[in-house]
PDB file of all heavy atoms in Angstrom:
ATOM      1  N   ALA A   1     -39.792   2.222 -13.848  1.00  0.00           N
ATOM      2  CA  ALA A   1     -40.007   2.742 -15.194  1.00  0.00           C
ATOM      3  C   ALA A   1     -41.409   3.330 -15.313  1.00  0.00           C
ATOM      4  O   ALA A   1     -42.378   2.805 -14.763  1.00  0.00           O
ATOM      5  CB  ALA A   1     -39.815   1.646 -16.189  1.00  0.00           C
ATOM      6  N   LEU A   2     -41.486   4.425 -16.031  1.00  0.00           N
ATOM      7  CA  LEU A   2     -42.761   5.050 -16.407  1.00  0.00           C
ATOM      8  C   LEU A   2     -42.755   5.105 -17.906  1.00  0.00           C
ATOM      9  O   LEU A   2     -41.911   5.785 -18.502  1.00  0.00           O
ATOM     10  CB  LEU A   2     -42.946   6.428 -15.773  1.00  0.00           C
ATOM     11  CG  LEU A   2     -44.195   7.181 -16.174  1.00  0.00           C
ATOM     12  CD1 LEU A   2     -45.454   6.430 -15.714  1.00  0.00           C
ATOM     13  CD2 LEU A   2     -44.176   8.569 -15.583  1.00  0.00           C
ATOM     14  N   LYS A   3     -43.668   4.412 -18.554  1.00  0.00           N
ATOM     15  CA  LYS A   3     -43.678   4.314 -20.042  1.00  0.00           C
ATOM     16  C   LYS A   3     -44.523   5.421 -20.596  1.00  0.00           C
ATOM     17  O   LYS A   3     -45.333   6.074 -19.919  1.00  0.00           O
ATOM     18  CB  LYS A   3     -44.151   2.963 -20.454  1.00  0.00           C
ATOM     19  CG  LYS A   3     -43.275   1.843 -19.933  1.00  0.00           C
ATOM     20  CD  LYS A   3     -43.799   0.498 -20.352  1.00  0.00           C
ATOM     21  CE  LYS A   3     -42.849  -0.593 -19.809  1.00  0.00           C
ATOM     22  NZ  LYS A   3     -43.296  -1.930 -20.145  1.00  0.00           N
ATOM     23  N   LYS A   4     -44.414   5.628 -21.924  1.00  0.00           N
ATOM     24  CA  LYS A   4     -45.219   6.599 -22.656  1.00  0.00           C
ATOM     25  C   LYS A   4     -46.673   6.120 -22.647  1.00  0.00           C
ATOM     26  O   LYS A   4     -46.948   4.915 -22.829  1.00  0.00           O
ATOM     27  CB  LYS A   4     -44.749   6.757 -24.060  1.00  0.00           C
ATOM     28  CG  LYS A   4     -43.395   7.384 -24.145  1.00  0.00           C
ATOM     29  CD  LYS A   4     -42.947   7.568 -25.610  1.00  0.00           C
ATOM     30  CE  LYS A   4     -41.565   8.187 -25.666  1.00  0.00           C
ATOM     31  NZ  LYS A   4     -41.103   8.345 -27.055  1.00  0.00           N
ATOM     32  N   SER A   5     -47.594   7.060 -22.452  1.00  0.00           N
ATOM     33  CA  SER A   5     -49.011   6.663 -22.449  1.00  0.00           C
ATOM     34  C   SER A   5     -49.464   6.418 -23.867  1.00  0.00           C
ATOM     35  O   SER A   5     -48.858   6.840 -24.842  1.00  0.00           O
ATOM     36  CB  SER A   5     -49.844   7.819 -21.844  1.00  0.00           C
ATOM     37  OG  SER A   5     -49.714   8.989 -22.657  1.00  0.00           O
ATOM     38  N   PHE A   6     -50.555   5.640 -23.982  1.00  0.00           N
ATOM     39  CA  PHE A   6     -51.096   5.376 -25.321  1.00  0.00           C
ATOM     40  C   PHE A   6     -52.630   5.333 -25.193  1.00  0.00           C
ATOM     41  O   PHE A   6     -53.136   4.884 -24.170  1.00  0.00           O
ATOM     42  CB  PHE A   6     -50.532   4.116 -25.900  1.00  0.00           C
ATOM     43  CG  PHE A   6     -50.801   2.871 -25.110  1.00  0.00           C
ATOM     44  CD1 PHE A   6     -51.908   2.082 -25.345  1.00  0.00           C
ATOM     45  CD2 PHE A   6     -49.901   2.457 -24.111  1.00  0.00           C
ATOM     46  CE1 PHE A   6     -52.153   0.952 -24.561  1.00  0.00           C
ATOM     47  CE2 PHE A   6     -50.151   1.319 -23.375  1.00  0.00           C
ATOM     48  CZ  PHE A   6     -51.286   0.561 -23.622  1.00  0.00           C
ATOM     49  N   PRO A   7     -53.357   5.775 -26.201  1.00  0.00           N
ATOM     50  CA  PRO A   7     -52.821   6.536 -27.327  1.00  0.00           C
ATOM     51  C   PRO A   7     -52.403   7.916 -26.862  1.00  0.00           C
ATOM     52  O   PRO A   7     -52.857   8.410 -25.818  1.00  0.00           O
ATOM     53  CB  PRO A   7     -53.994   6.633 -28.289  1.00  0.00           C
ATOM     54  CG  PRO A   7     -55.204   6.529 -27.407  1.00  0.00           C
ATOM     55  CD  PRO A   7     -54.810   5.657 -26.244  1.00  0.00           C
ATOM     56  N   ASN A   8     -51.565   8.545 -27.610  1.00  0.00           N
ATOM     57  CA  ASN A   8     -51.130   9.922 -27.311  1.00  0.00           C
ATOM     58  C   ASN A   8     -50.913  10.605 -28.637  1.00  0.00           C
ATOM     59  O   ASN A   8     -49.967  10.272 -29.352  1.00  0.00           O
ATOM     60  CB  ASN A   8     -49.848   9.905 -26.488  1.00  0.00           C
ATOM     61  CG  ASN A   8     -49.552  11.271 -25.874  1.00  0.00           C
ATOM     62  OD1 ASN A   8     -50.311  12.206 -26.028  1.00  0.00           O
ATOM     63  ND2 ASN A   8     -48.462  11.350 -25.175  1.00  0.00           N
ATOM     64  N   PRO A   9     -51.795  11.492 -29.018  1.00  0.00           N
ATOM     65  CA  PRO A   9     -52.823  12.181 -28.207  1.00  0.00           C
ATOM     66  C   PRO A   9     -53.993  11.274 -27.921  1.00  0.00           C
ATOM     67  O   PRO A   9     -54.316  10.343 -28.655  1.00  0.00           O
ATOM     68  CB  PRO A   9     -53.219  13.376 -29.055  1.00  0.00           C
ATOM     69  CG  PRO A   9     -52.831  13.032 -30.458  1.00  0.00           C
ATOM     70  CD  PRO A   9     -51.675  12.100 -30.368  1.00  0.00           C
ATOM     71  N   ALA A  10     -54.711  11.607 -26.832  1.00  0.00           N
ATOM     72  CA  ALA A  10     -55.868  10.828 -26.388  1.00  0.00           C
ATOM     73  C   ALA A  10     -57.139  11.659 -26.495  1.00  0.00           C
ATOM     74  O   ALA A  10     -57.121  12.867 -26.272  1.00  0.00           O
ATOM     75  CB  ALA A  10     -55.673  10.369 -24.943  1.00  0.00           C
ATOM     76  N   SER A  11     -58.238  10.989 -26.829  1.00  0.00           N
ATOM     77  CA  SER A  11     -59.510  11.708 -26.930  1.00  0.00           C
ATOM     78  C   SER A  11     -60.545  11.186 -25.945  1.00  0.00           C
ATOM     79  O   SER A  11     -61.465  11.899 -25.589  1.00  0.00           O
ATOM     80  CB  SER A  11     -60.062  11.652 -28.361  1.00  0.00           C
ATOM     81  OG  SER A  11     -60.291  10.334 -28.745  1.00  0.00           O
ATOM     82  N   ARG A  12     -60.447   9.919 -25.531  1.00  0.00           N
ATOM     83  CA  ARG A  12     -61.397   9.346 -24.579  1.00  0.00           C
ATOM     84  C   ARG A  12     -60.710   8.842 -23.329  1.00  0.00           C
ATOM     85  O   ARG A  12     -61.112   9.132 -22.232  1.00  0.00           O
ATOM     86  CB  ARG A  12     -62.158   8.188 -25.218  1.00  0.00           C
ATOM     87  CG  ARG A  12     -63.105   8.621 -26.285  1.00  0.00           C
ATOM     88  CD  ARG A  12     -63.943   7.442 -26.707  1.00  0.00           C
ATOM     89  NE  ARG A  12     -64.786   7.845 -27.808  1.00  0.00           N
ATOM     90  CZ  ARG A  12     -65.330   6.993 -28.635  1.00  0.00           C
ATOM     91  NH1 ARG A  12     -65.106   5.708 -28.493  1.00  0.00           N
ATOM     92  NH2 ARG A  12     -66.078   7.412 -29.613  1.00  0.00           N
ATOM     93  N   GLN A  13     -59.658   8.045 -23.520  1.00  0.00           N
ATOM     94  CA  GLN A  13     -58.895   7.511 -22.391  1.00  0.00           C
ATOM     95  C   GLN A  13     -57.507   7.253 -22.842  1.00  0.00           C
ATOM     96  O   GLN A  13     -57.193   7.115 -24.001  1.00  0.00           O
ATOM     97  CB  GLN A  13     -59.545   6.244 -21.843  1.00  0.00           C
ATOM     98  CG  GLN A  13     -59.538   5.056 -22.754  1.00  0.00           C
ATOM     99  CD  GLN A  13     -60.289   3.861 -22.145  1.00  0.00           C
ATOM    100  OE1 GLN A  13     -61.056   4.003 -21.257  1.00  0.00           O
ATOM    101  NE2 GLN A  13     -59.935   2.704 -22.639  1.00  0.00           N
ATOM    102  N   ALA A  14     -56.616   7.234 -21.827  1.00  0.00           N
ATOM    103  CA  ALA A  14     -55.192   6.958 -22.094  1.00  0.00           C
ATOM    104  C   ALA A  14     -54.775   5.897 -21.097  1.00  0.00           C
ATOM    105  O   ALA A  14     -55.190   5.891 -19.946  1.00  0.00           O
ATOM    106  CB  ALA A  14     -54.346   8.227 -21.911  1.00  0.00           C
ATOM    107  N   THR A  15     -53.932   4.964 -21.569  1.00  0.00           N
ATOM    108  CA  THR A  15     -53.384   3.955 -20.681  1.00  0.00           C
ATOM    109  C   THR A  15     -51.950   4.360 -20.312  1.00  0.00           C
ATOM    110  O   THR A  15     -51.136   4.713 -21.172  1.00  0.00           O
ATOM    111  CB  THR A  15     -53.358   2.603 -21.385  1.00  0.00           C
ATOM    112  OG1 THR A  15     -54.714   2.258 -21.753  1.00  0.00           O
ATOM    113  CG2 THR A  15     -52.776   1.492 -20.532  1.00  0.00           C
ATOM    114  N   ILE A  16     -51.683   4.288 -19.008  1.00  0.00           N
ATOM    115  CA  ILE A  16     -50.367   4.627 -18.476  1.00  0.00           C
ATOM    116  C   ILE A  16     -49.786   3.344 -17.863  1.00  0.00           C
ATOM    117  O   ILE A  16     -50.412   2.772 -16.987  1.00  0.00           O
ATOM    118  CB  ILE A  16     -50.454   5.774 -17.431  1.00  0.00           C
ATOM    119  CG1 ILE A  16     -51.017   7.035 -18.095  1.00  0.00           C
ATOM    120  CG2 ILE A  16     -49.125   6.006 -16.806  1.00  0.00           C
ATOM    121  CD1 ILE A  16     -51.353   8.126 -17.057  1.00  0.00           C
ATOM    122  N   GLU A  17     -48.621   2.965 -18.353  1.00  0.00           N
ATOM    123  CA  GLU A  17     -47.960   1.752 -17.851  1.00  0.00           C
ATOM    124  C   GLU A  17     -46.708   2.148 -17.059  1.00  0.00           C
ATOM    125  O   GLU A  17     -45.974   3.075 -17.420  1.00  0.00           O
ATOM    126  CB  GLU A  17     -47.568   0.820 -18.970  1.00  0.00           C
ATOM    127  CG  GLU A  17     -48.795   0.261 -19.710  1.00  0.00           C
ATOM    128  CD  GLU A  17     -48.392  -0.677 -20.834  1.00  0.00           C
ATOM    129  OE1 GLU A  17     -47.257  -0.586 -21.377  1.00  0.00           O
ATOM    130  OE2 GLU A  17     -49.198  -1.568 -21.152  1.00  0.00           O
ATOM    131  N   TYR A  18     -46.457   1.378 -15.994  1.00  0.00           N
ATOM    132  CA  TYR A  18     -45.287   1.627 -15.198  1.00  0.00           C
ATOM    133  C   TYR A  18     -44.797   0.303 -14.583  1.00  0.00           C
ATOM    134  O   TYR A  18     -45.545  -0.681 -14.577  1.00  0.00           O
ATOM    135  CB  TYR A  18     -45.534   2.665 -14.091  1.00  0.00           C
ATOM    136  CG  TYR A  18     -46.690   2.339 -13.167  1.00  0.00           C
ATOM    137  CD1 TYR A  18     -46.450   1.751 -11.935  1.00  0.00           C
ATOM    138  CD2 TYR A  18     -47.987   2.617 -13.524  1.00  0.00           C
ATOM    139  CE1 TYR A  18     -47.492   1.452 -11.076  1.00  0.00           C
ATOM    140  CE2 TYR A  18     -49.070   2.361 -12.668  1.00  0.00           C
ATOM    141  CZ  TYR A  18     -48.778   1.749 -11.456  1.00  0.00           C
ATOM    142  OH  TYR A  18     -49.842   1.459 -10.600  1.00  0.00           O
ATOM    143  N   ALA A  19     -43.589   0.272 -14.104  1.00  0.00           N
ATOM    144  CA  ALA A  19     -43.015  -0.945 -13.541  1.00  0.00           C
ATOM    145  C   ALA A  19     -42.265  -0.588 -12.236  1.00  0.00           C
ATOM    146  O   ALA A  19     -41.661   0.448 -12.107  1.00  0.00           O
ATOM    147  CB  ALA A  19     -42.030  -1.603 -14.517  1.00  0.00           C
ATOM    148  N   VAL A  20     -42.332  -1.550 -11.298  1.00  0.00           N
ATOM    149  CA  VAL A  20     -41.612  -1.404 -10.038  1.00  0.00           C
ATOM    150  C   VAL A  20     -40.866  -2.727  -9.749  1.00  0.00           C
ATOM    151  O   VAL A  20     -41.438  -3.802  -9.942  1.00  0.00           O
ATOM    152  CB  VAL A  20     -42.541  -1.032  -8.860  1.00  0.00           C
ATOM    153  CG1 VAL A  20     -43.108   0.357  -9.052  1.00  0.00           C
ATOM    154  CG2 VAL A  20     -43.680  -2.022  -8.680  1.00  0.00           C
ATOM    155  N   PRO A  21     -39.577  -2.674  -9.403  1.00  0.00           N
ATOM    156  CA  PRO A  21     -38.832  -3.887  -9.178  1.00  0.00           C
ATOM    157  C   PRO A  21     -39.085  -4.557  -7.827  1.00  0.00           C
ATOM    158  O   PRO A  21     -38.667  -5.709  -7.633  1.00  0.00           O
ATOM    159  CB  PRO A  21     -37.371  -3.391  -9.263  1.00  0.00           C
ATOM    160  CG  PRO A  21     -37.456  -1.977  -8.820  1.00  0.00           C
ATOM    161  CD  PRO A  21     -38.767  -1.469  -9.301  1.00  0.00           C
ATOM    162  N   LYS A  22     -39.711  -3.890  -6.911  1.00  0.00           N
ATOM    163  CA  LYS A  22     -40.015  -4.422  -5.612  1.00  0.00           C
ATOM    164  C   LYS A  22     -41.267  -3.805  -5.078  1.00  0.00           C
ATOM    165  O   LYS A  22     -41.721  -2.739  -5.560  1.00  0.00           O
ATOM    166  CB  LYS A  22     -38.851  -4.186  -4.615  1.00  0.00           C
ATOM    167  CG  LYS A  22     -38.592  -2.712  -4.402  1.00  0.00           C
ATOM    168  CD  LYS A  22     -37.412  -2.464  -3.524  1.00  0.00           C
ATOM    169  CE  LYS A  22     -37.202  -0.951  -3.383  1.00  0.00           C
ATOM    170  NZ  LYS A  22     -36.068  -0.644  -2.540  1.00  0.00           N
ATOM    171  N   GLN A  23     -41.896  -4.424  -4.091  1.00  0.00           N
ATOM    172  CA  GLN A  23     -43.123  -3.849  -3.519  1.00  0.00           C
ATOM    173  C   GLN A  23     -42.772  -2.500  -2.918  1.00  0.00           C
ATOM    174  O   GLN A  23     -41.823  -2.382  -2.163  1.00  0.00           O
ATOM    175  CB  GLN A  23     -43.699  -4.762  -2.452  1.00  0.00           C
ATOM    176  CG  GLN A  23     -44.973  -4.218  -1.872  1.00  0.00           C
ATOM    177  CD  GLN A  23     -45.583  -5.160  -0.820  1.00  0.00           C
ATOM    178  OE1 GLN A  23     -45.289  -6.354  -0.811  1.00  0.00           O
ATOM    179  NE2 GLN A  23     -46.448  -4.650  -0.023  1.00  0.00           N
ATOM    180  N   THR A  24     -43.571  -1.499  -3.294  1.00  0.00           N
ATOM    181  CA  THR A  24     -43.298  -0.149  -2.794  1.00  0.00           C
ATOM    182  C   THR A  24     -44.520   0.729  -2.922  1.00  0.00           C
ATOM    183  O   THR A  24     -45.482   0.378  -3.622  1.00  0.00           O
ATOM    184  CB  THR A  24     -42.125   0.482  -3.571  1.00  0.00           C
ATOM    185  OG1 THR A  24     -41.730   1.701  -2.946  1.00  0.00           O
ATOM    186  CG2 THR A  24     -42.471   0.765  -4.995  1.00  0.00           C
ATOM    187  N   GLU A  25     -44.498   1.850  -2.262  1.00  0.00           N
ATOM    188  CA  GLU A  25     -45.553   2.853  -2.379  1.00  0.00           C
ATOM    189  C   GLU A  25     -45.373   3.595  -3.681  1.00  0.00           C
ATOM    190  O   GLU A  25     -44.292   4.106  -3.978  1.00  0.00           O
ATOM    191  CB  GLU A  25     -45.456   3.811  -1.195  1.00  0.00           C
ATOM    192  CG  GLU A  25     -46.571   4.792  -1.028  1.00  0.00           C
ATOM    193  CD  GLU A  25     -47.819   4.207  -0.422  1.00  0.00           C
ATOM    194  OE1 GLU A  25     -47.698   3.177   0.286  1.00  0.00           O
ATOM    195  OE2 GLU A  25     -48.869   4.751  -0.618  1.00  0.00           O
ATOM    196  N   VAL A  26     -46.453   3.697  -4.494  1.00  0.00           N
ATOM    197  CA  VAL A  26     -46.362   4.328  -5.811  1.00  0.00           C
ATOM    198  C   VAL A  26     -47.456   5.366  -5.960  1.00  0.00           C
ATOM    199  O   VAL A  26     -48.604   5.120  -5.514  1.00  0.00           O
ATOM    200  CB  VAL A  26     -46.553   3.277  -6.957  1.00  0.00           C
ATOM    201  CG1 VAL A  26     -46.556   3.977  -8.300  1.00  0.00           C
ATOM    202  CG2 VAL A  26     -45.390   2.268  -6.893  1.00  0.00           C
ATOM    203  N   SER A  27     -47.150   6.483  -6.539  1.00  0.00           N
ATOM    204  CA  SER A  27     -48.117   7.500  -6.840  1.00  0.00           C
ATOM    205  C   SER A  27     -47.963   7.912  -8.304  1.00  0.00           C
ATOM    206  O   SER A  27     -46.869   8.132  -8.758  1.00  0.00           O
ATOM    207  CB  SER A  27     -47.916   8.727  -5.952  1.00  0.00           C
ATOM    208  OG  SER A  27     -48.729   9.813  -6.397  1.00  0.00           O
ATOM    209  N   VAL A  28     -49.075   7.941  -9.043  1.00  0.00           N
ATOM    210  CA  VAL A  28     -49.082   8.438 -10.422  1.00  0.00           C
ATOM    211  C   VAL A  28     -50.186   9.460 -10.493  1.00  0.00           C
ATOM    212  O   VAL A  28     -51.357   9.137 -10.281  1.00  0.00           O
ATOM    213  CB  VAL A  28     -49.304   7.313 -11.474  1.00  0.00           C
ATOM    214  CG1 VAL A  28     -49.309   7.915 -12.869  1.00  0.00           C
ATOM    215  CG2 VAL A  28     -48.241   6.230 -11.360  1.00  0.00           C
TER     216      VAL A  28
END
């Protein structure tokens, strides 16, 4: 899963959350 970033719109920083069901190579 790749969730919606927050805050959005962003002015300083944005947090991006994601989930993986097993150990794996991930790129964002």
